[in-house]
Structures are given as C-alpha cells and as structure tokens.
C-alpha cells in the first residue's frame, strides 16, 4: 500500500486532531500497544490493530519481561498485523503515553522510521470527543511485507550500561518512581532486589508529561534533561523492564538529543545479576557528574547520622567497582601486593560479618574468605572468574543487609558485646569503626580504579 501524502508523519509525536483527520487513509496503520490493566479494554480507536507487547512482541524465553524478540519473530509478528515497509504507523495505549513509546522504539530498532506516538493516547482521543469502537477479534486482514532491518545500539544489554556508568561523557537515566529508585518501595516482581545502579540518575517518566498524559513542550523537555545530564549528550535509559525507559527516549528525541539507547532488560535484568552492584537510600545526583552520593539532611539523631555516613561509604565501594568485568576487578595493584578491588569486596564482606553477626549478634559466623591458616585469603584468593565475582558481591550484600537490619532493630547504640581482640565494644563504636574501615579501603579503591581505566571522582 502506498503512503498517501495526507498520512505523512510530522514527527515522532502526533495529536488526536491530526490522527482523526487521516484515520482510514491508505498506508496509515494504527496500533493499540496497551499492556497490563489497560490491555483488553472494551474500546479502541476505530480500525486499531493490537501490538501485543505481552504476547508475540516479546521474547518469553528471556529472563526479563518485554524483552525484544528476535528479528525474525518481530518481522513475522508485524507482517501478521498487515504492515508494509511503505506504511506509516501511529501507536497509542490506554494509559496516555506508557507502553506506546516502547512499541515506537522497537519499530525504530528494527529499522522502521515511519512511526509516531499519539500524544495522550486513548484518554486524549476520547477527551476530544472522537469516536471509538468495541474491541473486536484479533486482526484478520491481509499480511504485510514488513522487513526487519535491525539497528545496533538502540537496545543494549547490561555490559553496555555498565560501560556507560563508567563513561564521563554518558549518563544513565532511570524512569522508575523515586521510591523504587531509592529502594524505599518494593519492586513489583517478587524477590527482585530494590535500589538502582550506582551512578544512575532518576528521571521518573511522568515528569516528562503534563495533564492528561500529554508530553511537555520540547523546550521544557530539554530543560528537564539538561538539569540532570549537564553537557552530556550520550543518554542511556532504564526502567523496570524496558517499557517506560522508552518514554524517556521519546522525550529526549523531542528535546533534540540523538545519541540514545534503551537498556532492554532494564532493572529486572540488572538486579537478577548478583555481580552487578546496586545502591539504595536517599540518593541525589550531582550535576554533570557520574557520582551518586547521599545528599540527605546533615542533622538528625546519632543513629541516623552514623548509619547514613556508613551507607554512603558502602555505596562508594560499589561505585568504585561499577562497570568493570571480572578480570579488571581481580587485577592486583603492584607486586608483591595482592590488593585488588575484588579483594576489597571480599575483605569487607568478612569485616561486616565479623562485627555485626559474630560479635554483636553472637552468632556462629566464621569468615567467608579468610581463616586462621590463611588470614589474607580474602585478598590472595580473589580470582577473576565470573563465579568468584558473583559470590563476592552476593556475600557482601548479604552481610550489609544483616548489619543494617541489626542496627535498625537495636534499642539504642549502647548495645554492648564482648570481642576477643578489643574487649567490650558498643554498637556505636562498631558503626564508627566501620566508617573508618570503609574510608580507608575506599582510598585504596580510588588508586586501584584509576590504575585500571583512569576513572576518577567516584
């Protein structure tokens, strides 16, 4: 079907009035990309075809939901929906602009540029008094001739995002709510750890929209991005499973950015990988920097201040290791020293375990990576295999979680215990000692990381 002149798309976003004036034109296809609670509603824009992100247009063998299917599977699904290479496509969803942006980005990732998102989606359409029809059966019209031509770099994996986190010219933006980003609200997927990637910046996708699910004007969008990215132009987007990250990609496109990538598996993929670091808490982003530090109150009771500073030091260790594969993490400093970033993770896992679990809680908790026979095993045994890296991070996170839980549950900081080396110690002293321990070793981590790839300032 040849695209009519009247159906030529004005850009990545079209309004309800534009679509209403051209609905039914030859060569114009309308997709309903609604998912979740907005999927399966009893009404649609007349003639809309289902872009099924919960079905054929996701790879259900992938560990993360809504993962892009193979080029062959995508091509087959789009052909089955009757799309030709010469068509123009407008995609919408029932929430405003939510999953429609994902469909828009997927089509572009498969080499199809003749696609736009309906501003405000179905709510804007109905608010304008435009007609709807009852949802009918699946599309049963003629097949199309769509050809998938995959583009590299539009959808990326954890390795690319890890590299971006360490790249001073790039920034990773997370589209989830602030509560999920900080880890104060649970992830909707059971058992998935909360928080965010060290160095990522939070930009909830709703911040790019105004009333009715409409996108904000281009100038306002540019200001919103610039306030968080400074002069960095290489933008990477993440969310829970790669859906609302595409709303950020749409906003950045409207704002004039061009070097854009979406993390396909997003936080679900990242959080399922034990070797990938995560941070939680009251985080703030420093303008124009890849750092992620606490910018919460500098006043408060003693427990709050000590735990806040200690959490910042723990986060610093993760930042120092962010974006590195197994070999550089295990790379030693200068012979004969066995000091490495991976060794520091292992060492601090044992330190956390000793003071909180063994001494304060009185549990039977032998060291995980060292022993009386091999007191430096935490450093000497830091091998570069992926399994060793994953085991170290898993152990460290488990011990940090125990320490945080113990500290939060203690009646006060005067809780005391007997230590074979120091004698009687209090929880207050242990917290201060742990801040000292991390500050010392983060200094080591500064030098180790700079020697690996020149990264400084994290």
Foldseek 3Di string as FASTA:
>chain_A
DADDPLLQDPDQEDELVSCLVCPPPPQEAEEEAADDPQPPDFKDAPRHAYPDLQPQQADPVDPFGSFGDDQVSVQVVQQQLVHALNGAYEYFYRPFAWQRLVVQLSCVQQVRNRYHYYGLGPLSNVVVVHDMHTDDDHDDDHTYHDHGRGDPQAEDAPLVVLVQLLDLLEAEEEQEDPCQQQQVDDDPDPPFGGHAAFLHAYDHLCVQADPSNGGDQLVVLLVSVCQAAPPRQAYEYAYQAQRSSSSNVVSVVNNPRDNYYYHRRGSRNQRVQLLGDGAHDQWDGDRSGSGIAHPDDPDDDPLVNLVRLLSRLVSLLNSLCGSDALVLQQDADDPPDLDGSQLVLLVVLQVLCCVQPCWQVVDPTDRDQADPVGRSRSRVVSDRDSVSSSVSSVSSVVSVVSNVVSSVPDPDQQRWGQDPVPGIDTNSVSSVVSSVVSVVVSVVSQVSSCVRPNRHDD
